[in-house]
Each structure stands twice: as C-alpha cells, then as structure tokens.
C-alpha cells in the first residue's frame, strides 16, 4: 500500500476535545447564569411545577408502603392504649364501686346512730351564686365586691366559697352588692380543724405573702406540712367540713412558746370569679336558752297587763 494513502488521523480513543479546564469553566458559567436567571426571572419555576406534577403520582406510590406500615403500627399502638385504658377504667370502676358501697354502709350506720341517740340531722345550708365585680378600693385590705346583696338574701357574715374551698366572709351588705373580706386579709379569722389530728385552731390572714397563718399553736403541737384544715363549724357561721387551707411550713422557735405555722389557702383567692354565698349556720340553729328566755320575756308584756277579772283575785288575796 502506498504511504500516501495511509490515514494518519488518530483513532477515536485518542481524539482530544476541549480541555478539562475549559469544560469546567463553561459548566461553572452556565450554572452561574442559570442561578442568576432563576433568581431574577424565575425561569425554572414552571419546570419545577411540571416536574412536581409529573412525579407526584410516583411519590405517592413510593410512599404507600411507608404509610401502610405507619398505619398498621398506629393501629396496634392505639389498640394497646385502648386495652390499657379499659383495664384502668375497670380498676377505677371497681374501686369506686367498693367506695360507694362503703359510703352507703357508713351513711346507713350514721343514720341509725343519729336515730338511736336522738341527734338532729345536719343543717342544710342555702346558697346563692354570685360573681366578683371588682376589688375593693382600699389598697391595704384584701376585699372584693360581688353582684349580690340584701335584695337577693345575702346576710352579714355569710360565708363565701368557690369550688376549691372557703374564699372569705361577707362583711358589708348593700341592697344590690356586698363586700367580701378574703381569708388573706389582715383582719380575717376563721376557726379550723386539722383533719389528721382532729385538733381545733384559728387561722388568720397573712397578707405579707398572700396566705394565712395558724396562730396560738404550741411549739410541740402535732402539726405537719401538708395537713388539711377544714372549718370546724363551732362558730355558728361556717358549715363544718369546708376545705380552708393546707399547712405550708412549720417553724418551731426555741425563743417562743408558739410555733409559726404558715398556710396556703385552697381557694383561688387572687383569681376567683364565681362564688357561692352561703347562709350562716346560726340562722338555722335553735336559739340559745338565754336568748330564748329573753325572747319569751319580750313577748310576755303584750299579755301581762291585768284585766279586771284577773286583778280582783289579787286584791282579795291581799285582804
């Protein structure tokens, strides 16, 4: 073969194109152009939207096994939670049934004992719902004004409670409103009974920290933090058994014969909005012997003036 007819071109494997640096520069410039164009002119938004529409069915198909696995796992978790809740509900129902049976038995025994001893049934106290209008104008006291007064049957000294416990006591009554002194007021006092020890005491307002204080308790008195205090019902105003406060702290000082006992009121004294005004227990209790005698003596003069028929025998007796 003549030498002039030979193909001197290199095979395709050895062909040289643009250099790698040139290709990198072109790719970088194209990428920068596309980013600037996408940022300024939003050129790729339609492309993205079209790709999202096209790929959405594929995504749903690929996510179907994951969703199915999550649904199955959630079903079994819900089933376990439902079984556990049912188990707890059955236990609670059994405990409540037992407590209800014991309560009915105790009520029956209480009724029998009261009938046997001839005791009076506990007085039923009438209540009036009221709403707190505003705080009293005196900045040095803890008082509120409610929207019920003498016209609605609110009496002076009536206890005021909420759903958690005793709030205070009515200290002023107007025709349409009434002023309530809260338990945390410096002049407030309420007789209490320690539920744990059955020991009576007197709780007073402690406005410095917005709570109460159990005063005149001996330094060695059996009082512990967490003790529940209720109304004793011995004052003729508060019905017995109303929650009042819990013992917060007990400081037994060696230099004093009395312990300093701080209490936390159970009622929402600072944020109460709706309350119940109870009728004082003394309004339904029988009169004391002295009071009954005074009342009888006050009613006797109406029939005491002697008539001629009754006055004549007395004169004969004197003769």
Protein backbone atom coordinates (compact mmCIF):
# COMPACT_ATOMS: atom_id res chain seq x y z
CA UNK A 1 0.00 0.00 0.00
CA UNK A 2 1.46 3.36 -0.91
CA UNK A 3 2.42 5.52 2.01
CA UNK A 4 0.40 8.44 0.73
CA UNK A 5 -2.82 6.57 1.08
CA UNK A 6 -2.39 5.84 4.82
CA UNK A 7 -4.86 7.53 7.25
CA UNK A 8 -2.76 9.48 9.71
CA UNK A 9 -5.73 10.62 11.86
CA UNK A 10 -5.65 9.30 15.44
CA UNK A 11 -8.19 6.64 16.43
CA UNK A 12 -11.34 7.82 18.24
CA UNK A 13 -9.98 6.74 21.61
CA UNK A 14 -7.09 9.17 21.32
CA UNK A 15 -9.07 12.14 19.98
CA UNK A 16 -8.59 15.29 22.06
CA UNK A 17 -11.59 17.64 22.71
CA UNK A 18 -11.72 20.83 24.73
CA UNK A 19 -9.54 20.71 27.78
CA UNK A 20 -10.92 19.84 31.20
CA UNK A 21 -10.39 23.40 32.44
CA UNK A 22 -12.37 24.75 29.50
CA UNK A 23 -15.25 22.41 30.17
CA UNK A 24 -15.20 23.30 33.90
CA UNK A 25 -15.27 26.99 33.07
CA UNK A 26 -18.20 26.55 30.68
CA UNK A 27 -20.14 24.45 33.22
CA UNK A 28 -19.49 26.99 36.00
CA UNK A 29 -20.56 29.88 33.78
CA UNK A 30 -23.71 28.02 32.73
CA UNK A 31 -24.52 27.21 36.35
CA UNK A 32 -23.99 30.82 37.42
CA UNK A 33 -26.16 32.02 34.54
CA UNK A 34 -28.95 29.62 35.47
CA UNK A 35 -28.83 30.62 39.15
CA UNK A 36 -28.96 34.33 38.33
CA UNK A 37 -31.70 33.81 35.79
CA UNK A 38 -33.71 31.69 38.23
CA UNK A 39 -33.27 34.25 40.99
CA UNK A 40 -34.12 37.31 38.90
CA UNK A 41 -36.53 35.97 36.28
CA UNK A 42 -37.91 32.73 37.88
CA UNK A 43 -37.18 30.77 34.73
CA UNK A 44 -37.20 27.35 36.39
CA UNK A 45 -40.44 27.71 38.37
CA UNK A 46 -42.63 26.32 35.56
CA UNK A 47 -40.14 23.48 35.15
CA UNK A 48 -40.27 22.70 38.86
CA UNK A 49 -44.07 22.81 38.86
CA UNK A 50 -44.28 20.49 35.87
CA UNK A 51 -41.79 18.09 37.44
CA UNK A 52 -43.73 18.11 40.73
CA UNK A 53 -46.99 17.32 38.90
CA UNK A 54 -45.38 14.53 36.92
CA UNK A 55 -43.55 12.99 39.89
CA UNK A 56 -46.41 13.33 42.41
CA UNK A 57 -48.08 10.01 41.49
CA UNK A 58 -44.71 8.29 41.64
CA UNK A 59 -44.07 9.80 45.08
CA UNK A 60 -47.45 8.61 46.30
CA UNK A 61 -46.74 5.11 45.02
CA UNK A 62 -43.33 5.06 46.70
CA UNK A 63 -44.77 6.42 49.97
CA UNK A 64 -47.67 3.97 50.06
CA UNK A 65 -45.69 1.17 51.79
CA UNK A 66 -44.37 3.61 54.39
CA UNK A 67 -47.88 4.99 55.05
CA UNK A 68 -49.28 1.48 55.28
CA UNK A 69 -46.59 0.44 57.75
CA UNK A 70 -47.24 3.58 59.84
CA UNK A 71 -51.00 2.93 59.80
CA UNK A 72 -50.52 -0.66 60.95
CA UNK A 73 -48.13 0.41 63.70
CA UNK A 74 -50.53 3.17 64.78
CA UNK A 75 -53.41 0.70 64.84
CA UNK A 76 -51.56 -1.65 67.15
CA UNK A 77 -50.39 1.23 69.37
CA UNK A 78 -53.95 2.52 69.60
CA UNK A 79 -55.19 -0.98 70.35
CA UNK A 80 -52.69 -1.36 73.16
CA UNK A 81 -53.56 2.08 74.54
CA UNK A 82 -57.27 1.27 74.38
CA UNK A 83 -56.74 -2.03 76.21
CA UNK A 84 -54.67 -0.30 78.90
CA UNK A 85 -57.27 2.45 79.28
CA UNK A 86 -60.01 -0.16 79.55
CA UNK A 87 -58.02 -2.01 82.20
CA UNK A 88 -57.50 1.19 84.20
CA UNK A 89 -61.16 2.13 83.81
CA UNK A 90 -62.25 -1.26 85.11
CA UNK A 91 -59.92 -0.92 88.11
CA UNK A 92 -61.19 2.59 88.81
CA UNK A 93 -64.79 1.44 88.46
CA UNK A 94 -64.19 -1.42 90.87
CA UNK A 95 -62.57 0.94 93.39
CA UNK A 96 -65.43 3.42 93.05
CA UNK A 97 -68.00 0.67 93.45
CA UNK A 98 -66.27 -0.51 96.62
CA UNK A 99 -66.07 3.06 97.91
CA UNK A 100 -69.73 3.63 97.08
CA UNK A 101 -70.76 0.51 98.97
CA UNK A 102 -68.74 1.56 101.99
CA UNK A 103 -70.19 5.07 101.80
CA UNK A 104 -73.73 3.75 101.69
CA UNK A 105 -72.98 1.49 104.62
CA UNK A 106 -71.47 4.37 106.60
CA UNK A 107 -74.44 6.60 105.78
CA UNK A 108 -76.84 3.91 106.95
CA UNK A 109 -74.86 3.41 110.17
CA UNK A 110 -74.72 7.17 110.71
CA UNK A 111 -78.47 7.47 110.28
CA UNK A 112 -79.04 4.61 112.71
CA UNK A 113 -76.71 6.13 115.28
CA UNK A 114 -78.33 9.54 114.96
CA UNK A 115 -81.75 7.99 115.33
CA UNK A 116 -80.56 5.96 118.30
CA UNK A 117 -79.01 8.97 120.03
CA UNK A 118 -81.79 11.33 119.05
CA UNK A 119 -79.44 13.76 117.31
CA UNK A 120 -80.55 16.35 114.79
CA UNK A 121 -79.70 15.92 111.14
CA UNK A 122 -77.04 18.19 109.73
CA UNK A 123 -78.45 21.55 108.73
CA UNK A 124 -78.92 22.13 105.02
CA UNK A 125 -77.37 25.44 104.05
CA UNK A 126 -78.90 27.57 101.33
CA UNK A 127 -76.52 29.08 98.78
CA UNK A 128 -76.67 31.98 96.33
CA UNK A 129 -74.46 32.16 93.24
CA UNK A 130 -72.58 35.42 92.75
CA UNK A 131 -69.92 36.95 90.53
CA UNK A 132 -66.98 39.07 91.64
CA UNK A 133 -67.29 42.57 90.20
CA UNK A 134 -64.06 44.25 91.29
CA UNK A 135 -61.55 44.60 94.10
CA UNK A 136 -62.27 46.99 96.94
CA UNK A 137 -60.78 50.47 96.74
CA UNK A 138 -58.72 50.08 99.92
CA UNK A 139 -55.17 49.08 98.85
CA UNK A 140 -54.29 47.89 102.37
CA UNK A 141 -57.00 45.23 102.55
CA UNK A 142 -57.93 42.11 100.62
CA UNK A 143 -61.60 42.60 99.78
CA UNK A 144 -63.79 42.14 96.72
CA UNK A 145 -67.30 43.24 95.78
CA UNK A 146 -69.86 40.74 94.47
CA UNK A 147 -73.05 41.37 92.49
CA UNK A 148 -75.49 40.06 95.12
CA UNK A 149 -76.77 42.00 98.10
CA UNK A 150 -79.53 42.32 100.64
CA UNK A 151 -82.21 42.17 97.93
CA UNK A 152 -81.01 38.67 96.93
CA UNK A 153 -80.92 37.45 100.54
CA UNK A 154 -77.23 37.92 101.30
CA UNK A 155 -76.74 38.25 105.06
CA UNK A 156 -73.99 39.96 107.01
CA UNK A 157 -71.28 37.47 107.98
CA UNK A 158 -72.28 34.92 105.32
CA UNK A 159 -69.50 32.52 104.24
CA UNK A 160 -68.29 32.75 100.64
CA UNK A 161 -66.80 29.70 98.89
CA UNK A 162 -65.72 28.53 95.46
CA UNK A 163 -65.25 25.05 94.04
CA UNK A 164 -61.97 24.56 95.94
CA UNK A 165 -62.73 25.91 99.40
CA UNK A 166 -63.56 28.92 101.55
CA UNK A 167 -62.88 32.31 99.94
CA UNK A 168 -63.91 34.67 102.71
CA UNK A 169 -66.83 36.22 104.55
CA UNK A 170 -69.36 38.96 103.81
CA UNK A 171 -68.50 42.00 105.95
CA UNK A 172 -70.71 44.66 104.36
CA UNK A 173 -74.08 44.29 102.69
CA UNK A 174 -75.71 46.77 100.35
CA UNK A 175 -79.06 46.50 98.56
CA UNK A 176 -77.57 45.13 95.31
CA UNK A 177 -73.95 44.35 96.18
CA UNK A 178 -71.89 43.05 99.08
CA UNK A 179 -68.29 43.34 100.22
CA UNK A 180 -66.37 40.13 100.92
CA UNK A 181 -63.27 40.07 103.10
CA UNK A 182 -60.88 37.42 101.77
CA UNK A 183 -59.12 34.93 104.01
CA UNK A 184 -55.76 36.52 103.30
CA UNK A 185 -56.87 39.88 104.73
CA UNK A 186 -55.09 41.02 107.90
CA UNK A 187 -58.39 41.18 109.79
CA UNK A 188 -59.74 37.82 108.61
CA UNK A 189 -60.05 34.90 111.04
CA UNK A 190 -61.70 31.50 110.74
CA UNK A 191 -61.92 28.52 113.12
CA UNK A 192 -60.38 25.42 111.60
CA UNK A 193 -59.99 21.72 112.33
CA UNK A 194 -56.95 19.62 111.46
CA UNK A 195 -58.34 16.63 109.58
CA UNK A 196 -55.43 14.39 110.56
CA UNK A 197 -55.30 15.12 114.29
CA UNK A 198 -58.84 16.47 114.92
CA UNK A 199 -57.24 19.45 116.68
CA UNK A 200 -59.03 22.79 116.57
CA UNK A 201 -57.37 26.12 115.95
CA UNK A 202 -57.81 29.57 114.46
CA UNK A 203 -56.41 30.67 111.12
CA UNK A 204 -55.72 34.34 110.43
CA UNK A 205 -54.88 36.25 107.30
CA UNK A 206 -51.22 36.78 106.49
CA UNK A 207 -51.20 39.48 103.78
CA UNK A 208 -47.41 39.77 103.52
CA UNK A 209 -47.21 36.62 101.39
CA UNK A 210 -50.85 36.35 100.33
CA UNK A 211 -51.53 33.34 102.56
CA UNK A 212 -52.68 32.54 106.08
CA UNK A 213 -51.22 31.74 109.46
CA UNK A 214 -52.31 29.28 112.15
CA UNK A 215 -51.74 31.15 115.39
CA UNK A 216 -51.66 30.27 119.08
CA UNK A 217 -50.46 26.71 118.50
CA UNK A 218 -47.98 25.31 120.98
CA UNK A 219 -44.44 24.74 119.82
CA UNK A 220 -44.82 20.97 120.31
CA UNK A 221 -48.25 20.78 118.64
CA UNK A 222 -48.77 17.88 116.23
CA UNK A 223 -48.88 19.91 113.01
CA UNK A 224 -47.04 18.82 109.88
CA UNK A 225 -46.63 20.33 106.40
CA UNK A 226 -49.37 19.04 104.13
CA UNK A 227 -52.05 18.77 106.85
CA UNK A 228 -55.52 19.68 105.58
CA UNK A 229 -57.52 22.23 107.56
CA UNK A 230 -61.30 22.40 107.37
CA UNK A 231 -63.95 24.52 109.01
CA UNK A 232 -64.85 23.21 112.45
CA UNK A 233 -68.43 24.51 112.44
CA UNK A 234 -68.15 25.65 116.06
CA UNK A 235 -68.65 29.35 115.37
CA UNK A 236 -72.21 29.15 114.06
CA UNK A 237 -71.20 30.79 110.77
CA UNK A 238 -69.26 28.34 108.61
CA UNK A 239 -70.71 24.88 107.96
CA UNK A 240 -68.38 22.11 109.14
CA UNK A 241 -66.16 20.30 106.68
CA UNK A 242 -65.41 23.10 104.19
CA UNK A 243 -61.78 22.98 102.93
CA UNK A 244 -59.84 26.02 104.09
CA UNK A 245 -56.07 25.59 103.69
CA UNK A 246 -53.07 23.28 103.80
CA UNK A 247 -50.11 23.62 106.12
CA UNK A 248 -47.23 25.05 104.11
CA UNK A 249 -44.44 25.40 106.66
CA UNK A 250 -43.98 24.91 110.40
CA UNK A 251 -41.28 26.91 112.23
CA UNK A 252 -40.74 25.80 115.83
CA UNK A 253 -38.76 28.53 117.55
CA UNK A 254 -36.97 27.97 120.83
CA UNK A 255 -37.48 31.59 121.93
CA UNK A 256 -41.28 31.36 121.68
CA UNK A 257 -43.89 29.11 123.22
CA UNK A 258 -45.89 29.14 119.97
CA UNK A 259 -44.98 27.74 116.59
CA UNK A 260 -45.18 29.84 113.45
CA UNK A 261 -47.36 27.90 111.03
CA UNK A 262 -47.90 29.25 107.52
CA UNK A 263 -50.85 28.08 105.46
CA UNK A 264 -51.72 28.03 101.77
CA UNK A 265 -55.43 28.69 101.06
CA UNK A 266 -57.09 26.07 98.89
CA UNK A 267 -59.46 28.53 97.22
CA UNK A 268 -58.30 30.65 94.31
CA UNK A 269 -58.40 33.86 96.31
CA UNK A 270 -56.48 36.03 93.85
CA UNK A 271 -58.24 34.86 90.69
CA UNK A 272 -61.70 33.82 91.82
CA UNK A 273 -64.54 34.97 89.56
CA UNK A 274 -67.64 32.97 90.50
CA UNK A 275 -68.52 32.17 94.12
CA UNK A 276 -71.31 30.81 96.29
CA UNK A 277 -72.65 32.82 99.22
CA UNK A 278 -73.89 30.50 101.97
CA UNK A 279 -76.41 31.29 104.63
CA UNK A 280 -74.80 31.48 108.07
CA UNK A 281 -75.35 28.29 110.04
CA UNK A 282 -76.50 30.30 113.05
CA UNK A 283 -79.57 31.46 111.12
CA UNK A 284 -80.90 27.88 111.09
CA UNK A 285 -79.75 26.75 114.52
CA UNK A 286 -82.13 26.82 117.52
CA UNK A 287 -81.89 29.76 119.88
CA UNK A 288 -79.69 29.52 122.95
CA UNK A 289 -81.52 29.17 126.29
CA UNK A 290 -80.72 32.74 127.37
CA UNK A 291 -81.80 34.13 124.02
CA UNK A 292 -85.00 32.08 124.09
CA UNK A 293 -85.82 33.35 127.61
CA UNK A 294 -85.16 36.94 126.53
CA UNK A 295 -87.41 36.47 123.51
CA UNK A 296 -90.16 34.99 125.70
CA UNK A 297 -89.80 37.83 128.19
CA UNK A 298 -90.01 40.34 125.39
CA UNK A 299 -93.24 38.83 124.12
CA UNK A 300 -94.83 38.49 127.62
CA UNK A 301 -95.69 42.19 128.22
CA UNK A 302 -98.20 42.07 125.42
CA UNK A 303 -100.38 39.76 127.56
CA UNK A 304 -99.19 40.90 131.00
CA UNK A 305 -101.49 43.89 131.64
CA UNK A 306 -104.01 42.55 134.13
CA UNK A 307 -107.63 42.63 133.17
CA UNK A 308 -110.32 43.41 135.79
CA UNK A 309 -111.12 39.73 136.01
CA UNK A 310 -107.57 38.83 136.92
CA UNK A 311 -106.87 41.84 139.10
CA UNK A 312 -109.74 41.22 141.53
CA UNK A 313 -108.44 37.93 142.96
CA UNK A 314 -105.14 39.53 143.77
CA UNK A 315 -106.88 42.20 145.85
CA UNK A 316 -108.90 39.54 147.72
CA UNK A 317 -105.69 37.69 148.46
CA UNK A 318 -104.16 40.81 149.95
CA UNK A 319 -107.23 41.22 152.19
